[in-house]
Amino acid sequence: MTDLLDLFTTDILMPHNMGWDDLAFAAAAIFFAGALRAYAGFGFALAGVPLLAATAGPAAAVPMILALEILSGLQMLPKVRRDADWKSIWLILPTAILAAPLGVYLLAVLSADTLRILIALTLLSAVALMASGLKLPGRLPVPATLSIGGVSGLLAGSTAMAGPPVLLYFLGRGDTPATARASMFMYFSLTGTTTLLVGVTSGVVALSTMLLTLVLAPALFLSNLAGHSLFHVMGDKHYRPIALTLLTVIAFVTLWRAVLI
């Protein structure tokens, strides 16, 4: 048993400069971010990346969140696939896939503090978009729709936060909460799969990072059950102001950590 714990510490925790307290914090962060996403349809990467970056570092946090989004999508697929707007998903997904490798390249070459600043600014942009209440027409011009997918893919590869343009796309069109939630859930799962494959095949993502992801997966599975149950009990009346407040706090803490520490 002692040898197994030593192996776990050496091969999984030490490559990320983490201790057991950091692992507990990471599990709590995953549970919080996963519950937010299962309830609202968004927020997993927005909350999870900055929190995980505080312990594992941005370069590890991004692929971990992408991998966990894939696992989350598989778990929640039977519950949300029928409500998703698949026509809109397939419309923006191709340009997101094409732009994702460039985002992965930025993940490999940018410093940890630069990534933290990029993550914080992306998160603040998402909060501003959600708080603005901006409405989009039901049908956007094709170039605008394609650009939404492209920007989303770039952000997915570099920060795991494909959300800001997609939040505007699905939440700004007046879709029902169930449709918007399901569409975002499935879109983030699909972009996460593509982006992570690029990272793994290019060698940017380390094996120790994937092992750490598997260790944290149970916290995600529990959070999915909790968030999905909460959605059906409370609906969409209360989550938005709470989510916006929490995400804003996380963004400013991340920015403070990158600039002042």
Protein backbone atom coordinates (compact mmCIF):
# COMPACT_ATOMS: atom_id res chain seq x y z
CA MET A 1 0.00 0.00 0.00
CA THR A 2 2.83 2.37 0.88
CA ASP A 3 4.57 1.60 -2.42
CA LEU A 4 1.35 2.36 -4.31
CA LEU A 5 0.97 5.73 -2.58
CA ASP A 6 4.61 6.55 -3.28
CA LEU A 7 4.11 5.65 -6.95
CA PHE A 8 0.99 7.81 -7.10
CA THR A 9 2.84 10.75 -5.58
CA THR A 10 5.88 10.36 -7.82
CA ASP A 11 4.16 9.72 -11.14
CA ILE A 12 1.01 11.83 -10.83
CA LEU A 13 1.30 14.54 -8.18
CA MET A 14 4.97 15.50 -8.37
CA PRO A 15 5.01 16.25 -12.15
CA HIS A 16 2.40 18.93 -11.41
CA ASN A 17 4.03 20.19 -8.19
CA MET A 18 0.95 19.10 -6.26
CA GLY A 19 0.45 17.71 -2.78
CA TRP A 20 -2.48 15.87 -1.24
CA ASP A 21 -4.10 19.15 -0.19
CA ASP A 22 -3.83 20.39 -3.78
CA LEU A 23 -5.51 17.18 -4.96
CA ALA A 24 -8.40 17.75 -2.55
CA PHE A 25 -8.77 21.34 -3.79
CA ALA A 26 -8.72 20.12 -7.40
CA ALA A 27 -11.47 17.57 -6.67
CA ALA A 28 -13.60 20.27 -5.04
CA ALA A 29 -13.02 22.57 -8.02
CA ILE A 30 -14.12 19.85 -10.44
CA PHE A 31 -17.24 19.14 -8.40
CA PHE A 32 -18.19 22.83 -8.31
CA ALA A 33 -17.52 23.39 -12.03
CA GLY A 34 -19.27 20.16 -13.02
CA ALA A 35 -22.37 20.94 -10.98
CA LEU A 36 -22.53 24.42 -12.52
CA ARG A 37 -22.33 22.98 -16.03
CA ALA A 38 -24.85 20.19 -15.42
CA TYR A 39 -27.28 22.75 -14.01
CA ALA A 40 -26.79 25.61 -16.48
CA GLY A 41 -25.29 23.97 -19.58
CA PHE A 42 -22.16 26.13 -19.35
CA GLY A 43 -19.48 27.08 -16.85
CA PHE A 44 -17.40 23.91 -16.55
CA ALA A 45 -14.31 25.27 -18.29
CA LEU A 46 -15.04 28.86 -17.22
CA ALA A 47 -14.92 27.86 -13.55
CA GLY A 48 -12.74 24.75 -13.75
CA VAL A 49 -9.73 26.04 -15.69
CA PRO A 50 -8.87 28.98 -13.40
CA LEU A 51 -9.39 26.89 -10.27
CA LEU A 52 -7.35 23.92 -11.54
CA ALA A 53 -4.66 26.27 -12.83
CA ALA A 54 -4.13 27.44 -9.26
CA THR A 55 -2.88 23.96 -8.32
CA ALA A 56 -1.82 22.03 -11.45
CA GLY A 57 -0.85 25.03 -13.60
CA PRO A 58 -2.57 26.31 -16.78
CA ALA A 59 -0.78 23.96 -19.19
CA ALA A 60 -2.17 20.94 -17.31
CA ALA A 61 -5.53 22.46 -16.39
CA VAL A 62 -6.58 23.03 -20.00
CA PRO A 63 -6.24 19.40 -21.25
CA MET A 64 -7.65 18.08 -17.96
CA ILE A 65 -10.80 20.13 -18.39
CA LEU A 66 -11.09 19.04 -22.02
CA ALA A 67 -10.78 15.37 -21.03
CA LEU A 68 -13.29 15.75 -18.22
CA GLU A 69 -15.73 17.47 -20.58
CA ILE A 70 -15.57 14.41 -22.82
CA LEU A 71 -16.32 12.08 -19.90
CA SER A 72 -19.10 14.40 -18.75
CA GLY A 73 -20.63 14.45 -22.21
CA LEU A 74 -20.68 10.66 -22.35
CA GLN A 75 -22.36 10.47 -18.95
CA MET A 76 -24.98 13.10 -19.75
CA LEU A 77 -25.59 12.16 -23.42
CA PRO A 78 -28.76 10.11 -22.81
CA LYS A 79 -30.27 12.99 -20.79
CA VAL A 80 -29.57 15.94 -23.15
CA ARG A 81 -29.15 14.68 -26.73
CA ARG A 82 -32.86 14.93 -27.60
CA ASP A 83 -33.15 18.56 -26.51
CA ALA A 84 -30.03 19.79 -28.37
CA ASP A 85 -30.27 21.94 -31.52
CA TRP A 86 -28.09 19.64 -33.65
CA LYS A 87 -28.50 21.70 -36.81
CA SER A 88 -26.88 24.72 -35.14
CA ILE A 89 -24.20 22.57 -33.52
CA TRP A 90 -23.09 21.07 -36.85
CA LEU A 91 -23.10 24.54 -38.41
CA ILE A 92 -20.48 26.04 -36.07
CA LEU A 93 -18.51 22.90 -35.26
CA PRO A 94 -16.36 22.61 -38.47
CA THR A 95 -14.65 26.00 -38.10
CA ALA A 96 -14.12 25.31 -34.41
CA ILE A 97 -12.32 22.08 -35.30
CA LEU A 98 -10.15 23.85 -37.88
CA ALA A 99 -9.14 26.59 -35.40
CA ALA A 100 -8.44 24.29 -32.44
CA PRO A 101 -4.86 23.29 -33.47
CA LEU A 102 -3.78 26.94 -33.45
CA GLY A 103 -5.11 27.23 -29.93
CA VAL A 104 -3.16 24.12 -28.88
CA TYR A 105 -0.02 25.70 -30.35
CA LEU A 106 -0.57 28.80 -28.18
CA LEU A 107 -0.97 26.53 -25.14
CA ALA A 108 2.46 25.05 -25.87
CA VAL A 109 4.36 28.31 -26.41
CA LEU A 110 2.82 30.80 -23.97
CA SER A 111 4.06 31.19 -20.39
CA ALA A 112 1.95 30.17 -17.40
CA ASP A 113 1.25 33.77 -16.36
CA THR A 114 0.36 34.77 -19.93
CA LEU A 115 -2.08 31.86 -20.07
CA ARG A 116 -3.59 32.89 -16.73
CA ILE A 117 -4.14 36.42 -18.05
CA LEU A 118 -5.71 35.04 -21.24
CA ILE A 119 -7.93 32.73 -19.19
CA ALA A 120 -9.03 35.55 -16.88
CA LEU A 121 -9.82 37.93 -19.75
CA THR A 122 -11.73 35.21 -21.59
CA LEU A 123 -13.73 34.50 -18.46
CA LEU A 124 -14.53 38.18 -17.91
CA SER A 125 -15.64 38.46 -21.55
CA ALA A 126 -18.00 35.54 -21.08
CA VAL A 127 -19.46 37.09 -17.93
CA ALA A 128 -19.96 40.42 -19.71
CA LEU A 129 -21.74 38.72 -22.61
CA MET A 130 -24.05 36.80 -20.30
CA ALA A 131 -24.79 39.84 -18.14
CA SER A 132 -25.51 42.12 -21.11
CA GLY A 133 -28.65 40.28 -22.10
CA LEU A 134 -27.69 40.79 -25.75
CA LYS A 135 -30.14 39.19 -28.16
CA LEU A 136 -29.28 37.78 -31.58
CA PRO A 137 -31.56 37.30 -34.57
CA GLY A 138 -32.83 33.78 -35.05
CA ARG A 139 -30.72 33.38 -38.21
CA LEU A 140 -27.26 34.92 -38.49
CA PRO A 141 -25.33 35.53 -41.74
CA VAL A 142 -23.14 32.55 -42.65
CA PRO A 143 -19.80 34.43 -42.17
CA ALA A 144 -20.86 35.50 -38.67
CA THR A 145 -21.89 31.97 -37.77
CA LEU A 146 -18.61 30.52 -39.06
CA SER A 147 -16.58 33.11 -37.15
CA ILE A 148 -18.34 32.10 -33.92
CA GLY A 149 -17.11 28.56 -34.43
CA GLY A 150 -13.58 29.72 -35.32
CA VAL A 151 -13.13 31.93 -32.27
CA SER A 152 -14.61 29.20 -30.10
CA GLY A 153 -12.14 26.63 -31.42
CA LEU A 154 -9.18 28.95 -30.88
CA LEU A 155 -10.21 29.54 -27.29
CA ALA A 156 -10.84 25.83 -26.76
CA GLY A 157 -7.30 24.92 -27.77
CA SER A 158 -5.54 27.62 -25.78
CA THR A 159 -7.71 27.95 -22.65
CA ALA A 160 -10.32 25.10 -22.84
CA MET A 161 -12.87 27.94 -22.74
CA ALA A 162 -14.78 27.54 -25.98
CA GLY A 163 -17.70 29.22 -24.27
CA PRO A 164 -17.92 33.01 -24.78
CA PRO A 165 -18.95 33.12 -28.48
CA VAL A 166 -21.06 29.98 -28.09
CA LEU A 167 -22.84 31.37 -25.03
CA LEU A 168 -23.78 34.39 -27.10
CA TYR A 169 -24.87 32.14 -29.97
CA PHE A 170 -27.16 29.84 -28.01
CA LEU A 171 -28.31 32.09 -25.16
CA GLY A 172 -28.79 35.18 -27.31
CA ARG A 173 -31.24 33.64 -29.77
CA GLY A 174 -34.12 33.14 -27.41
CA ASP A 175 -33.95 29.33 -27.31
CA THR A 176 -35.70 27.61 -24.44
CA PRO A 177 -33.46 26.97 -21.40
CA ALA A 178 -33.59 23.21 -22.02
CA THR A 179 -32.56 23.57 -25.69
CA ALA A 180 -29.78 26.08 -25.01
CA ARG A 181 -28.45 24.01 -22.12
CA ALA A 182 -28.43 20.76 -24.10
CA SER A 183 -26.92 22.37 -27.21
CA MET A 184 -24.04 23.93 -25.28
CA PHE A 185 -23.46 20.73 -23.36
CA MET A 186 -23.08 18.66 -26.53
CA TYR A 187 -21.09 21.30 -28.42
CA PHE A 188 -18.51 21.62 -25.63
CA SER A 189 -18.17 17.84 -25.47
CA LEU A 190 -17.52 17.58 -29.21
CA THR A 191 -15.02 20.46 -29.34
CA GLY A 192 -13.29 19.09 -26.25
CA THR A 193 -12.85 15.70 -27.92
CA THR A 194 -11.31 17.20 -31.05
CA THR A 195 -9.02 19.59 -29.22
CA LEU A 196 -7.76 16.97 -26.79
CA LEU A 197 -6.93 14.60 -29.65
CA VAL A 198 -4.82 17.35 -31.21
CA GLY A 199 -3.02 17.92 -27.91
CA VAL A 200 -2.31 14.23 -27.30
CA THR A 201 -1.12 13.45 -30.83
CA SER A 202 1.10 16.54 -30.89
CA GLY A 203 2.76 15.60 -27.59
CA VAL A 204 1.61 18.76 -25.78
CA VAL A 205 -0.44 16.73 -23.26
CA ALA A 206 1.59 14.56 -20.86
CA LEU A 207 0.59 11.07 -19.70
CA SER A 208 0.75 12.18 -16.05
CA THR A 209 -1.87 14.83 -16.82
CA MET A 210 -4.26 12.23 -18.21
CA LEU A 211 -3.70 9.98 -15.19
CA LEU A 212 -4.48 12.88 -12.87
CA THR A 213 -7.65 13.49 -14.86
CA LEU A 214 -8.81 9.92 -14.27
CA VAL A 215 -8.17 10.30 -10.54
CA LEU A 216 -10.43 13.36 -10.46
CA ALA A 217 -13.17 11.85 -12.65
CA PRO A 218 -15.34 10.56 -9.74
CA ALA A 219 -15.83 14.15 -8.53
CA LEU A 220 -17.15 15.02 -11.98
CA PHE A 221 -19.58 12.10 -12.12
CA LEU A 222 -21.04 13.05 -8.73
CA SER A 223 -21.34 16.70 -9.76
CA ASN A 224 -23.24 15.77 -12.93
CA LEU A 225 -25.84 13.94 -10.90
CA ALA A 226 -26.15 16.82 -8.45
CA GLY A 227 -26.38 19.56 -11.08
CA HIS A 228 -28.81 17.69 -13.31
CA SER A 229 -31.13 17.03 -10.37
CA LEU A 230 -30.91 20.68 -9.32
CA PHE A 231 -31.91 21.85 -12.81
CA HIS A 232 -35.12 19.85 -12.75
CA VAL A 233 -35.95 21.03 -9.23
CA MET A 234 -35.19 24.76 -9.67
CA GLY A 235 -35.24 25.39 -13.43
CA ASP A 236 -33.34 28.41 -14.73
CA LYS A 237 -34.67 31.10 -12.39
CA HIS A 238 -31.79 31.40 -9.94
CA TYR A 239 -28.59 30.10 -11.49
CA ARG A 240 -27.65 33.07 -13.69
CA PRO A 241 -26.90 35.77 -11.06
CA ILE A 242 -25.16 33.24 -8.82
CA ALA A 243 -23.09 31.86 -11.69
CA LEU A 244 -22.11 35.32 -12.96
CA THR A 245 -21.00 36.42 -9.50
CA LEU A 246 -18.91 33.32 -8.88
CA LEU A 247 -17.30 33.42 -12.32
CA THR A 248 -16.42 37.10 -11.90
CA VAL A 249 -14.71 36.40 -8.57
CA ILE A 250 -12.75 33.52 -10.12
CA ALA A 251 -11.67 35.70 -13.04
CA PHE A 252 -10.32 38.49 -10.84
CA VAL A 253 -8.52 36.07 -8.52
CA THR A 254 -6.88 34.43 -11.56
CA LEU A 255 -5.86 37.81 -12.96
CA TRP A 256 -4.48 38.88 -9.58
CA ARG A 257 -2.47 35.68 -9.34
CA ALA A 258 -0.95 36.18 -12.79
CA VAL A 259 -0.10 39.87 -12.39
CA LEU A 260 0.83 40.30 -8.73
CA ILE A 261 2.14 36.93 -7.47
